[in-house]
C-alpha atoms as a PDB file:
ATOM      1  CA  MET A   1      17.869  12.133 -28.749  1.00  0.00           C
ATOM      2  CA  GLU A   2      15.016  11.655 -31.248  1.00  0.00           C
ATOM      3  CA  LEU A   3      11.949  10.010 -29.748  1.00  0.00           C
ATOM      4  CA  THR A   4      10.935   6.988 -31.813  1.00  0.00           C
ATOM      5  CA  GLU A   5       7.650   5.122 -31.429  1.00  0.00           C
ATOM      6  CA  ASN A   6       9.368   2.270 -29.555  1.00  0.00           C
ATOM      7  CA  ASN A   7      11.142   4.379 -26.944  1.00  0.00           C
ATOM      8  CA  VAL A   8       7.988   6.487 -26.467  1.00  0.00           C
ATOM      9  CA  LYS A   9       6.089   3.278 -25.585  1.00  0.00           C
ATOM     10  CA  ALA A  10       8.906   2.154 -23.264  1.00  0.00           C
ATOM     11  CA  LEU A  11       8.914   5.564 -21.584  1.00  0.00           C
ATOM     12  CA  LEU A  12       5.141   5.585 -21.070  1.00  0.00           C
ATOM     13  CA  ALA A  13       5.301   2.075 -19.576  1.00  0.00           C
ATOM     14  CA  LYS A  14       7.745   3.343 -16.918  1.00  0.00           C
ATOM     15  CA  LEU A  15       5.525   6.171 -15.629  1.00  0.00           C
ATOM     16  CA  PRO A  16       3.132   3.884 -13.649  1.00  0.00           C
ATOM     17  CA  LEU A  17       6.180   2.025 -12.264  1.00  0.00           C
ATOM     18  CA  LEU A  18       7.493   5.329 -10.922  1.00  0.00           C
ATOM     19  CA  LYS A  19       4.339   5.902  -8.884  1.00  0.00           C
ATOM     20  CA  ASN A  20       4.389   2.276  -7.658  1.00  0.00           C
ATOM     21  CA  GLU A  21       7.946   2.698  -6.339  1.00  0.00           C
ATOM     22  CA  ILE A  22       7.026   5.883  -4.458  1.00  0.00           C
ATOM     23  CA  GLN A  23       3.978   4.143  -2.941  1.00  0.00           C
ATOM     24  CA  LYS A  24       6.243   1.483  -1.403  1.00  0.00           C
ATOM     25  CA  VAL A  25       7.164   4.174   1.140  1.00  0.00           C
ATOM     26  CA  ILE A  26       4.317   6.702   0.951  1.00  0.00           C
ATOM     27  CA  VAL A  27       0.929   5.487   2.190  1.00  0.00           C
ATOM     28  CA  GLY A  28      -2.107   7.117   0.554  1.00  0.00           C
ATOM     29  CA  GLN A  29      -1.732  10.724  -0.720  1.00  0.00           C
ATOM     30  CA  ASP A  30      -2.660   9.415  -4.182  1.00  0.00           C
ATOM     31  CA  HIS A  31      -3.757  12.719  -5.707  1.00  0.00           C
ATOM     32  CA  ILE A  32      -0.745  14.490  -4.128  1.00  0.00           C
ATOM     33  CA  LEU A  33       1.630  12.098  -5.914  1.00  0.00           C
ATOM     34  CA  ASP A  34      -0.285  12.585  -9.174  1.00  0.00           C
ATOM     35  CA  GLU A  35      -0.007  16.366  -8.914  1.00  0.00           C
ATOM     36  CA  LEU A  36       3.733  16.221  -8.111  1.00  0.00           C
ATOM     37  CA  LEU A  37       4.401  13.874 -11.037  1.00  0.00           C
ATOM     38  CA  VAL A  38       2.339  16.117 -13.327  1.00  0.00           C
ATOM     39  CA  ALA A  39       4.413  19.162 -12.282  1.00  0.00           C
ATOM     40  CA  PHE A  40       7.637  17.219 -12.798  1.00  0.00           C
ATOM     41  CA  LEU A  41       6.634  16.031 -16.281  1.00  0.00           C
ATOM     42  CA  ALA A  42       5.490  19.546 -17.185  1.00  0.00           C
ATOM     43  CA  GLY A  43       8.924  20.874 -16.160  1.00  0.00           C
ATOM     44  CA  GLY A  44       7.586  23.154 -13.404  1.00  0.00           C
ATOM     45  CA  HIS A  45       8.017  23.636  -9.676  1.00  0.00           C
ATOM     46  CA  CYS A  46       5.641  22.996  -6.772  1.00  0.00           C
ATOM     47  CA  LEU A  47       4.730  24.793  -3.587  1.00  0.00           C
ATOM     48  CA  LEU A  48       3.530  22.225  -1.063  1.00  0.00           C
ATOM     49  CA  GLU A  49       1.408  23.484   1.795  1.00  0.00           C
ATOM     50  CA  GLY A  50       0.671  21.394   4.862  1.00  0.00           C
ATOM     51  CA  VAL A  51       1.136  21.158   8.625  1.00  0.00           C
ATOM     52  CA  PRO A  52       4.288  19.432   9.975  1.00  0.00           C
ATOM     53  CA  GLY A  53       4.464  15.634  10.054  1.00  0.00           C
ATOM     54  CA  LEU A  54       2.596  14.845   6.828  1.00  0.00           C
ATOM     55  CA  ALA A  55       5.639  13.321   5.029  1.00  0.00           C
ATOM     56  CA  LYS A  56       6.326  16.294   2.729  1.00  0.00           C
ATOM     57  CA  THR A  57      10.079  15.710   2.966  1.00  0.00           C
ATOM     58  CA  LEU A  58       9.722  11.945   2.634  1.00  0.00           C
ATOM     59  CA  ILE A  59       7.589  12.246  -0.518  1.00  0.00           C
ATOM     60  CA  VAL A  60      10.169  14.293  -2.412  1.00  0.00           C
ATOM     61  CA  LYS A  61      13.139  12.262  -1.115  1.00  0.00           C
ATOM     62  CA  THR A  62      11.434   9.015  -2.190  1.00  0.00           C
ATOM     63  CA  MET A  63      10.647  10.535  -5.587  1.00  0.00           C
ATOM     64  CA  SER A  64      14.321  11.403  -6.105  1.00  0.00           C
ATOM     65  CA  GLN A  65      15.308   7.792  -5.239  1.00  0.00           C
ATOM     66  CA  ALA A  66      12.771   6.347  -7.709  1.00  0.00           C
ATOM     67  CA  LEU A  67      14.036   8.763 -10.380  1.00  0.00           C
ATOM     68  CA  HIS A  68      17.714   8.064  -9.707  1.00  0.00           C
ATOM     69  CA  LEU A  69      18.367  11.803  -9.366  1.00  0.00           C
ATOM     70  CA  SER A  70      20.419  13.869  -6.930  1.00  0.00           C
ATOM     71  CA  PHE A  71      18.458  15.311  -4.008  1.00  0.00           C
ATOM     72  CA  ARG A  72      19.275  18.167  -1.628  1.00  0.00           C
ATOM     73  CA  ARG A  73      17.255  19.556   1.239  1.00  0.00           C
ATOM     74  CA  ILE A  74      17.670  23.200   2.210  1.00  0.00           C
ATOM     75  CA  GLN A  75      16.186  24.184   5.563  1.00  0.00           C
ATOM     76  CA  PHE A  76      15.189  27.826   5.209  1.00  0.00           C
ATOM     77  CA  THR A  77      15.813  30.004   8.278  1.00  0.00           C
ATOM     78  CA  PRO A  78      15.750  33.792   8.910  1.00  0.00           C
ATOM     79  CA  ASP A  79      19.577  34.007   8.806  1.00  0.00           C
ATOM     80  CA  LEU A  80      20.009  32.075   5.517  1.00  0.00           C
ATOM     81  CA  MET A  81      21.883  34.129   2.892  1.00  0.00           C
ATOM     82  CA  PRO A  82      21.706  33.783  -0.936  1.00  0.00           C
ATOM     83  CA  THR A  83      25.303  32.478  -0.984  1.00  0.00           C
ATOM     84  CA  ASP A  84      24.265  29.659   1.387  1.00  0.00           C
ATOM     85  CA  ILE A  85      22.097  28.174  -1.370  1.00  0.00           C
ATOM     86  CA  VAL A  86      23.788  29.390  -4.568  1.00  0.00           C
ATOM     87  CA  GLY A  87      27.406  28.916  -3.558  1.00  0.00           C
ATOM     88  CA  THR A  88      30.403  31.176  -3.016  1.00  0.00           C
ATOM     89  CA  GLU A  89      33.951  31.748  -4.230  1.00  0.00           C
ATOM     90  CA  ILE A  90      36.838  30.395  -2.185  1.00  0.00           C
ATOM     91  CA  LEU A  91      40.500  31.327  -2.467  1.00  0.00           C
ATOM     92  CA  GLU A  92      42.735  28.472  -3.627  1.00  0.00           C
ATOM     93  CA  GLU A  93      46.427  28.175  -4.371  1.00  0.00           C
ATOM     94  CA  ASP A  94      48.088  26.413  -7.290  1.00  0.00           C
ATOM     95  CA  HIS A  95      50.892  24.425  -5.583  1.00  0.00           C
ATOM     96  CA  ALA A  96      52.918  24.193  -8.802  1.00  0.00           C
ATOM     97  CA  THR A  97      53.098  27.950  -9.480  1.00  0.00           C
ATOM     98  CA  GLY A  98      52.212  29.407  -6.086  1.00  0.00           C
ATOM     99  CA  LYS A  99      49.527  31.572  -7.700  1.00  0.00           C
ATOM    100  CA  ARG A 100      46.261  32.171  -5.876  1.00  0.00           C
ATOM    101  CA  PHE A 101      42.893  32.203  -7.590  1.00  0.00           C
ATOM    102  CA  PHE A 102      39.192  32.217  -6.764  1.00  0.00           C
ATOM    103  CA  LYS A 103      37.195  29.064  -7.426  1.00  0.00           C
ATOM    104  CA  PHE A 104      33.395  28.899  -7.349  1.00  0.00           C
ATOM    105  CA  ASN A 105      32.198  26.383  -4.780  1.00  0.00           C
ATOM    106  CA  LYS A 106      28.702  25.238  -5.808  1.00  0.00           C
ATOM    107  CA  GLY A 107      25.920  25.402  -3.219  1.00  0.00           C
ATOM    108  CA  PRO A 108      23.089  22.919  -2.540  1.00  0.00           C
ATOM    109  CA  LEU A 109      21.039  24.415  -5.407  1.00  0.00           C
ATOM    110  CA  PHE A 110      23.151  22.338  -7.819  1.00  0.00           C
ATOM    111  CA  ALA A 111      21.088  19.147  -7.680  1.00  0.00           C
ATOM    112  CA  ASN A 112      18.182  17.706  -9.689  1.00  0.00           C
ATOM    113  CA  ILE A 113      15.535  17.815  -6.947  1.00  0.00           C
ATOM    114  CA  ILE A 114      15.606  20.501  -4.267  1.00  0.00           C
ATOM    115  CA  LEU A 115      13.418  20.518  -1.179  1.00  0.00           C
ATOM    116  CA  ALA A 116      13.157  24.154  -0.065  1.00  0.00           C
ATOM    117  CA  ASP A 117      11.791  23.498   3.407  1.00  0.00           C
ATOM    118  CA  GLU A 118       9.707  26.322   4.933  1.00  0.00           C
ATOM    119  CA  ILE A 119      10.503  28.845   2.203  1.00  0.00           C
ATOM    120  CA  ASN A 120       8.493  31.547   3.989  1.00  0.00           C
ATOM    121  CA  ARG A 121      10.932  31.509   6.950  1.00  0.00           C
ATOM    122  CA  THR A 122      13.716  33.164   4.963  1.00  0.00           C
ATOM    123  CA  PRO A 123      14.020  36.869   3.982  1.00  0.00           C
ATOM    124  CA  PRO A 124      13.008  38.126   0.491  1.00  0.00           C
ATOM    125  CA  LYS A 125      16.650  38.414  -0.668  1.00  0.00           C
ATOM    126  CA  THR A 126      17.211  34.663  -0.271  1.00  0.00           C
ATOM    127  CA  GLN A 127      13.746  33.826  -1.655  1.00  0.00           C
ATOM    128  CA  SER A 128      14.627  35.876  -4.761  1.00  0.00           C
ATOM    129  CA  ALA A 129      17.875  33.945  -5.304  1.00  0.00           C
ATOM    130  CA  LEU A 130      15.887  30.698  -5.292  1.00  0.00           C
ATOM    131  CA  LEU A 131      13.146  32.054  -7.560  1.00  0.00           C
ATOM    132  CA  GLU A 132      15.716  33.345 -10.080  1.00  0.00           C
ATOM    133  CA  ALA A 133      17.152  29.828 -10.330  1.00  0.00           C
ATOM    134  CA  MET A 134      13.618  28.419 -10.783  1.00  0.00           C
ATOM    135  CA  GLN A 135      12.891  30.738 -13.680  1.00  0.00           C
ATOM    136  CA  GLU A 136      16.238  30.866 -15.480  1.00  0.00           C
ATOM    137  CA  PHE A 137      17.645  27.384 -14.643  1.00  0.00           C
ATOM    138  CA  GLU A 138      20.959  29.099 -13.940  1.00  0.00           C
ATOM    139  CA  VAL A 139      22.638  31.182 -11.239  1.00  0.00           C
ATOM    140  CA  THR A 140      24.942  34.178 -11.562  1.00  0.00           C
ATOM    141  CA  TYR A 141      27.810  34.838  -9.164  1.00  0.00           C
ATOM    142  CA  GLY A 142      30.543  37.440  -9.620  1.00  0.00           C
ATOM    143  CA  GLY A 143      29.448  38.155 -13.181  1.00  0.00           C
ATOM    144  CA  GLN A 144      29.762  34.480 -14.165  1.00  0.00           C
ATOM    145  CA  THR A 145      26.728  32.367 -15.098  1.00  0.00           C
ATOM    146  CA  TYR A 146      26.533  28.724 -14.003  1.00  0.00           C
ATOM    147  CA  PRO A 147      23.880  26.440 -15.552  1.00  0.00           C
ATOM    148  CA  LEU A 148      21.952  24.205 -13.146  1.00  0.00           C
ATOM    149  CA  ASP A 149      21.626  20.445 -13.518  1.00  0.00           C
ATOM    150  CA  ARG A 150      18.681  19.245 -15.604  1.00  0.00           C
ATOM    151  CA  PRO A 151      16.065  18.047 -14.897  1.00  0.00           C
ATOM    152  CA  PHE A 152      15.667  20.664 -12.176  1.00  0.00           C
ATOM    153  CA  PHE A 153      12.680  20.525  -9.838  1.00  0.00           C
ATOM    154  CA  ILE A 154      12.064  22.646  -6.735  1.00  0.00           C
ATOM    155  CA  LEU A 155       9.554  21.555  -4.145  1.00  0.00           C
ATOM    156  CA  ALA A 156       9.068  24.354  -1.635  1.00  0.00           C
ATOM    157  CA  THR A 157       7.055  23.814   1.535  1.00  0.00           C
ATOM    158  CA  GLN A 158       5.292  26.206   3.860  1.00  0.00           C
ATOM    159  CA  ASN A 159       3.309  25.733   7.045  1.00  0.00           C
ATOM    160  CA  PRO A 160      -0.149  27.336   6.617  1.00  0.00           C
ATOM    161  CA  ILE A 161      -0.753  27.688  10.361  1.00  0.00           C
ATOM    162  CA  GLU A 162       2.273  29.197  12.077  1.00  0.00           C
ATOM    163  CA  GLN A 163       2.899  32.596  10.462  1.00  0.00           C
ATOM    164  CA  ALA A 164       4.844  34.319  13.280  1.00  0.00           C
ATOM    165  CA  GLY A 165       8.316  35.364  12.113  1.00  0.00           C
ATOM    166  CA  THR A 166       7.694  34.474   8.473  1.00  0.00           C
ATOM    167  CA  TYR A 167       8.128  36.344   5.185  1.00  0.00           C
ATOM    168  CA  PRO A 168       5.089  35.398   3.060  1.00  0.00           C
ATOM    169  CA  LEU A 169       5.807  35.023  -0.656  1.00  0.00           C
ATOM    170  CA  PRO A 170       4.416  37.952  -2.688  1.00  0.00           C
ATOM    171  CA  GLU A 171       1.777  37.102  -5.314  1.00  0.00           C
ATOM    172  CA  ALA A 172       4.250  37.748  -8.175  1.00  0.00           C
ATOM    173  CA  GLN A 173       6.610  35.140  -6.720  1.00  0.00           C
ATOM    174  CA  LEU A 174       3.824  32.661  -5.985  1.00  0.00           C
ATOM    175  CA  ASP A 175       2.929  32.847  -9.673  1.00  0.00           C
ATOM    176  CA  ARG A 176       6.339  31.289 -10.518  1.00  0.00           C
ATOM    177  CA  PHE A 177       5.196  27.999  -9.003  1.00  0.00           C
ATOM    178  CA  LEU A 178       3.394  25.807 -11.515  1.00  0.00           C
ATOM    179  CA  LEU A 179       1.187  24.245  -8.822  1.00  0.00           C
ATOM    180  CA  LEU A 180       0.210  24.893  -5.226  1.00  0.00           C
ATOM    181  CA  VAL A 181      -0.387  21.442  -3.762  1.00  0.00           C
ATOM    182  CA  GLN A 182      -2.242  21.257  -0.443  1.00  0.00           C
ATOM    183  CA  ILE A 183      -1.566  18.148   1.620  1.00  0.00           C
ATOM    184  CA  GLY A 184      -4.123  17.112   4.242  1.00  0.00           C
ATOM    185  CA  TYR A 185      -4.372  14.551   7.018  1.00  0.00           C
ATOM    186  CA  PRO A 186      -4.553  10.841   6.042  1.00  0.00           C
ATOM    187  CA  THR A 187      -7.748   8.800   6.360  1.00  0.00           C
ATOM    188  CA  GLU A 188      -8.191   6.464   9.340  1.00  0.00           C
ATOM    189  CA  GLN A 189      -7.142   3.405   7.293  1.00  0.00           C
ATOM    190  CA  GLU A 190      -4.120   5.237   5.859  1.00  0.00           C
ATOM    191  CA  GLU A 191      -3.054   6.402   9.319  1.00  0.00           C
ATOM    192  CA  LEU A 192      -3.235   2.830  10.667  1.00  0.00           C
ATOM    193  CA  ALA A 193      -1.128   1.640   7.722  1.00  0.00           C
ATOM    194  CA  ILE A 194       1.412   4.437   8.350  1.00  0.00           C
ATOM    195  CA  LEU A 195       1.705   3.515  12.044  1.00  0.00           C
ATOM    196  CA  ASN A 196       2.200  -0.190  11.242  1.00  0.00           C
ATOM    197  CA  GLN A 197       4.652   0.476   8.420  1.00  0.00           C
ATOM    198  CA  THR A 198       6.890   3.022  10.167  1.00  0.00           C
ATOM    199  CA  THR A 199       7.261   1.642  13.694  1.00  0.00           C
ATOM    200  CA  GLY A 200       8.653  -1.825  12.908  1.00  0.00           C
ATOM    201  CA  THR A 201      11.972  -3.128  11.652  1.00  0.00           C
ATOM    202  CA  LYS A 202      10.978  -3.659   8.014  1.00  0.00           C
ATOM    203  CA  LYS A 203      12.112  -0.918   5.665  1.00  0.00           C
ATOM    204  CA  ALA A 204      10.889  -0.543   2.072  1.00  0.00           C
ATOM    205  CA  THR A 205      13.550  -0.381  -0.654  1.00  0.00           C
ATOM    206  CA  VAL A 206      12.964   2.007  -3.547  1.00  0.00           C
ATOM    207  CA  THR A 207      14.396   0.959  -6.902  1.00  0.00           C
ATOM    208  CA  PRO A 208      15.262   3.641  -9.484  1.00  0.00           C
ATOM    209  CA  VAL A 209      13.041   3.128 -12.538  1.00  0.00           C
ATOM    210  CA  ILE A 210      13.626   6.246 -14.660  1.00  0.00           C
ATOM    211  CA  SER A 211      16.863   8.109 -15.421  1.00  0.00           C
ATOM    212  CA  GLY A 212      17.306  11.866 -15.669  1.00  0.00           C
ATOM    213  CA  GLU A 213      17.674  11.615 -19.457  1.00  0.00           C
ATOM    214  CA  GLU A 214      14.365   9.745 -19.719  1.00  0.00           C
ATOM    215  CA  ILE A 215      12.616  12.417 -17.617  1.00  0.00           C
ATOM    216  CA  LEU A 216      13.912  15.097 -20.011  1.00  0.00           C
ATOM    217  CA  GLN A 217      12.524  13.014 -22.896  1.00  0.00           C
ATOM    218  CA  ALA A 218       9.171  12.744 -21.106  1.00  0.00           C
ATOM    219  CA  GLN A 219       9.107  16.532 -20.597  1.00  0.00           C
ATOM    220  CA  GLN A 220       9.729  16.912 -24.325  1.00  0.00           C
ATOM    221  CA  LEU A 221       6.937  14.417 -25.040  1.00  0.00           C
ATOM    222  CA  VAL A 222       4.448  16.340 -22.849  1.00  0.00           C
ATOM    223  CA  ARG A 223       4.649  19.334 -25.193  1.00  0.00           C
ATOM    224  CA  GLN A 224       3.797  17.064 -28.147  1.00  0.00           C
ATOM    225  CA  VAL A 225       0.494  15.944 -26.575  1.00  0.00           C
ATOM    226  CA  THR A 226      -2.348  17.417 -28.645  1.00  0.00           C
ATOM    227  CA  ILE A 227      -5.079  19.732 -27.400  1.00  0.00           C
ATOM    228  CA  SER A 228      -8.015  20.869 -29.524  1.00  0.00           C
ATOM    229  CA  GLU A 229      -8.751  24.538 -30.250  1.00  0.00           C
ATOM    230  CA  GLU A 230     -12.053  24.050 -28.442  1.00  0.00           C
ATOM    231  CA  LEU A 231     -10.247  23.038 -25.237  1.00  0.00           C
ATOM    232  CA  VAL A 232      -7.721  25.892 -25.569  1.00  0.00           C
ATOM    233  CA  ALA A 233     -10.719  28.240 -25.754  1.00  0.00           C
ATOM    234  CA  TYR A 234     -12.194  26.491 -22.689  1.00  0.00           C
ATOM    235  CA  VAL A 235      -8.955  27.135 -20.743  1.00  0.00           C
ATOM    236  CA  SER A 236      -8.904  30.772 -21.877  1.00  0.00           C
ATOM    237  CA  GLY A 237     -12.533  31.140 -20.793  1.00  0.00           C
ATOM    238  CA  ILE A 238     -11.790  29.801 -17.283  1.00  0.00           C
ATOM    239  CA  ILE A 239      -8.771  32.104 -16.825  1.00  0.00           C
ATOM    240  CA  ARG A 240     -10.578  35.208 -18.110  1.00  0.00           C
ATOM    241  CA  ALA A 241     -13.573  34.418 -15.901  1.00  0.00           C
ATOM    242  CA  THR A 242     -11.381  34.742 -12.774  1.00  0.00           C
ATOM    243  CA  ARG A 243     -10.891  38.494 -13.405  1.00  0.00           C
ATOM    244  CA  PRO A 244     -13.562  40.576 -11.628  1.00  0.00           C
ATOM    245  CA  ASP A 245     -13.248  43.573 -13.976  1.00  0.00           C
ATOM    246  CA  THR A 246     -14.008  41.568 -17.164  1.00  0.00           C
ATOM    247  CA  THR A 247     -15.991  38.522 -15.989  1.00  0.00           C
ATOM    248  CA  THR A 248     -19.750  38.065 -16.255  1.00  0.00           C
ATOM    249  CA  ASN A 249     -19.688  35.654 -13.308  1.00  0.00           C
ATOM    250  CA  ASN A 250     -21.372  37.275 -10.281  1.00  0.00           C
ATOM    251  CA  TYR A 251     -19.656  34.872  -7.843  1.00  0.00           C
ATOM    252  CA  VAL A 252     -16.244  36.126  -9.006  1.00  0.00           C
ATOM    253  CA  LYS A 253     -17.360  39.776  -8.912  1.00  0.00           C
ATOM    254  CA  GLU A 254     -18.505  39.366  -5.312  1.00  0.00           C
ATOM    255  CA  TRP A 255     -15.517  37.525  -3.812  1.00  0.00           C
ATOM    256  CA  VAL A 256     -12.392  38.044  -5.975  1.00  0.00           C
ATOM    257  CA  ARG A 257     -10.020  41.016  -5.784  1.00  0.00           C
ATOM    258  CA  TRP A 258      -7.564  39.984  -8.542  1.00  0.00           C
ATOM    259  CA  GLY A 259      -7.835  37.213 -11.107  1.00  0.00           C
ATOM    260  CA  ALA A 260      -5.229  34.955 -12.740  1.00  0.00           C
ATOM    261  CA  GLY A 261      -2.839  36.155 -15.456  1.00  0.00           C
ATOM    262  CA  PRO A 262      -1.873  34.541 -18.791  1.00  0.00           C
ATOM    263  CA  ARG A 263       0.780  32.362 -17.083  1.00  0.00           C
ATOM    264  CA  ALA A 264      -2.086  30.500 -15.386  1.00  0.00           C
ATOM    265  CA  GLY A 265      -3.458  29.499 -18.805  1.00  0.00           C
ATOM    266  CA  GLN A 266      -0.046  28.243 -19.901  1.00  0.00           C
ATOM    267  CA  ALA A 267       0.269  26.262 -16.663  1.00  0.00           C
ATOM    268  CA  LEU A 268      -3.218  24.771 -17.043  1.00  0.00           C
ATOM    269  CA  ILE A 269      -2.592  23.567 -20.602  1.00  0.00           C
ATOM    270  CA  LEU A 270       0.863  22.142 -19.790  1.00  0.00           C
ATOM    271  CA  THR A 271      -0.311  20.305 -16.669  1.00  0.00           C
ATOM    272  CA  ALA A 272      -3.381  18.965 -18.511  1.00  0.00           C
ATOM    273  CA  LYS A 273      -1.012  17.607 -21.188  1.00  0.00           C
ATOM    274  CA  ALA A 274       1.214  16.016 -18.524  1.00  0.00           C
ATOM    275  CA  ARG A 275      -1.823  14.441 -16.804  1.00  0.00           C
ATOM    276  CA  ALA A 276      -3.023  13.010 -20.136  1.00  0.00           C
ATOM    277  CA  LEU A 277       0.402  11.446 -20.686  1.00  0.00           C
ATOM    278  CA  LEU A 278       0.397   9.965 -17.167  1.00  0.00           C
ATOM    279  CA  LYS A 279      -2.961   8.385 -18.021  1.00  0.00           C
ATOM    280  CA  GLY A 280      -1.443   6.921 -21.204  1.00  0.00           C
ATOM    281  CA  ARG A 281      -3.149   9.321 -23.633  1.00  0.00           C
ATOM    282  CA  TYR A 282      -1.696  11.525 -26.383  1.00  0.00           C
ATOM    283  CA  ALA A 283      -4.570  14.015 -26.341  1.00  0.00           C
ATOM    284  CA  VAL A 284      -6.001  16.284 -23.634  1.00  0.00           C
ATOM    285  CA  LEU A 285      -9.572  15.703 -22.448  1.00  0.00           C
ATOM    286  CA  LYS A 286     -11.802  18.188 -20.628  1.00  0.00           C
ATOM    287  CA  GLU A 287     -11.414  16.112 -17.447  1.00  0.00           C
ATOM    288  CA  ASP A 288      -7.624  16.764 -17.500  1.00  0.00           C
ATOM    289  CA  ILE A 289      -8.213  20.525 -17.469  1.00  0.00           C
ATOM    290  CA  GLN A 290     -10.833  20.275 -14.726  1.00  0.00           C
ATOM    291  CA  ALA A 291      -8.585  18.038 -12.576  1.00  0.00           C
ATOM    292  CA  MET A 292      -5.654  20.484 -12.766  1.00  0.00           C
ATOM    293  CA  ALA A 293      -7.604  23.764 -12.501  1.00  0.00           C
ATOM    294  CA  THR A 294      -7.644  23.898  -8.676  1.00  0.00           C
ATOM    295  CA  PRO A 295      -3.877  23.417  -7.963  1.00  0.00           C
ATOM    296  CA  VAL A 296      -3.058  25.751 -10.881  1.00  0.00           C
ATOM    297  CA  LEU A 297      -5.396  28.568  -9.785  1.00  0.00           C
ATOM    298  CA  ARG A 298      -5.502  28.432  -5.970  1.00  0.00           C
ATOM    299  CA  HIS A 299      -2.391  30.647  -5.595  1.00  0.00           C
ATOM    300  CA  ARG A 300      -3.185  32.869  -8.580  1.00  0.00           C
ATOM    301  CA  ILE A 301      -6.640  34.107  -7.520  1.00  0.00           C
ATOM    302  CA  LEU A 302      -6.536  36.794  -4.842  1.00  0.00           C
ATOM    303  CA  MET A 303      -9.645  36.901  -2.667  1.00  0.00           C
ATOM    304  CA  ASN A 304     -11.057  40.142  -1.236  1.00  0.00           C
ATOM    305  CA  PHE A 305     -11.414  40.912   2.485  1.00  0.00           C
ATOM    306  CA  LYS A 306     -15.102  39.991   2.466  1.00  0.00           C
ATOM    307  CA  ALA A 307     -14.266  36.517   1.111  1.00  0.00           C
ATOM    308  CA  GLU A 308     -11.561  35.993   3.749  1.00  0.00           C
ATOM    309  CA  ALA A 309     -14.030  36.962   6.482  1.00  0.00           C
ATOM    310  CA  GLU A 310     -16.671  34.567   5.114  1.00  0.00           C
ATOM    311  CA  GLY A 311     -14.236  31.685   4.503  1.00  0.00           C
ATOM    312  CA  ILE A 312     -14.662  31.750   0.716  1.00  0.00           C
ATOM    313  CA  THR A 313     -11.467  30.361  -0.845  1.00  0.00           C
ATOM    314  CA  ALA A 314      -9.921  30.385  -4.325  1.00  0.00           C
ATOM    315  CA  ASP A 315     -10.724  26.639  -4.500  1.00  0.00           C
ATOM    316  CA  LYS A 316     -14.439  27.426  -4.177  1.00  0.00           C
ATOM    317  CA  VAL A 317     -14.195  30.024  -6.943  1.00  0.00           C
ATOM    318  CA  THR A 318     -12.443  27.521  -9.231  1.00  0.00           C
ATOM    319  CA  GLY A 319     -15.113  24.945  -8.460  1.00  0.00           C
ATOM    320  CA  GLU A 320     -17.835  27.432  -9.450  1.00  0.00           C
ATOM    321  CA  LEU A 321     -16.079  28.245 -12.741  1.00  0.00           C
ATOM    322  CA  ILE A 322     -15.614  24.570 -13.650  1.00  0.00           C
ATOM    323  CA  ARG A 323     -19.259  23.817 -12.938  1.00  0.00           C
ATOM    324  CA  GLY A 324     -20.326  26.894 -14.868  1.00  0.00           C
END
């Protein structure tokens, strides 16, 4: 469908309504919602990191209700197999002819929004099946390729504290996630509001405001947002400055083992474009790039042992580069 000026305006008017609907259920977490919506509009996937009980599941379920999209939750466990998420073939019989045949029975991966809960609890083989779907937007079983529903958005969660019996995602697989969103504890006022809102009889109703087709149009529109050559060079400068072997930044040389690759630059430009659109603009500003730099880079910069011992994080490195 061709985007005309009128339906672009109508689409942009719906984006704030989407956040309002989610906030009927979710108290606070304003920047978390912004980052998730940015990732969704940019057509990427999110890794959400936070301790249990911070409404990670509720956020993504509420988002799927406001978007009028199908939602599936997959609880990752050590015994989960690739076929448990992708699907498997079952033997069926044609009653008219008596012939038997195999039919592919689709797994929970065939939905618009997938919550991959505690992704680091499952072995690499199952993680790889999920990451293949993220990258290719299709799954292959028995030599046959099955396209996934679009839009397709994976929100994977991991607990940053309890690491016993887990299979941490390798850096190459972490890089497939557009953003690493860290969710923290609510403020005192937010926690009081949560306690009042969730322990009574009143239940908020979420109304769908955007269809799947409109989200696909919005994702198309994100790529049409303009960015100046000067800002593209600014993004390139930030990414190149994260690499200790080529940077002139002494802070990076001291604390960083490996810097970000070219995919980080692509992610930073796309998310900056999506943020601009969420703010009602058709052009990227420097503030969009600076706002998205931390969630884009925090899982793509590998700190050295000295930094880990001193408590120097990738977020601190990103902050130094933005200020510089």
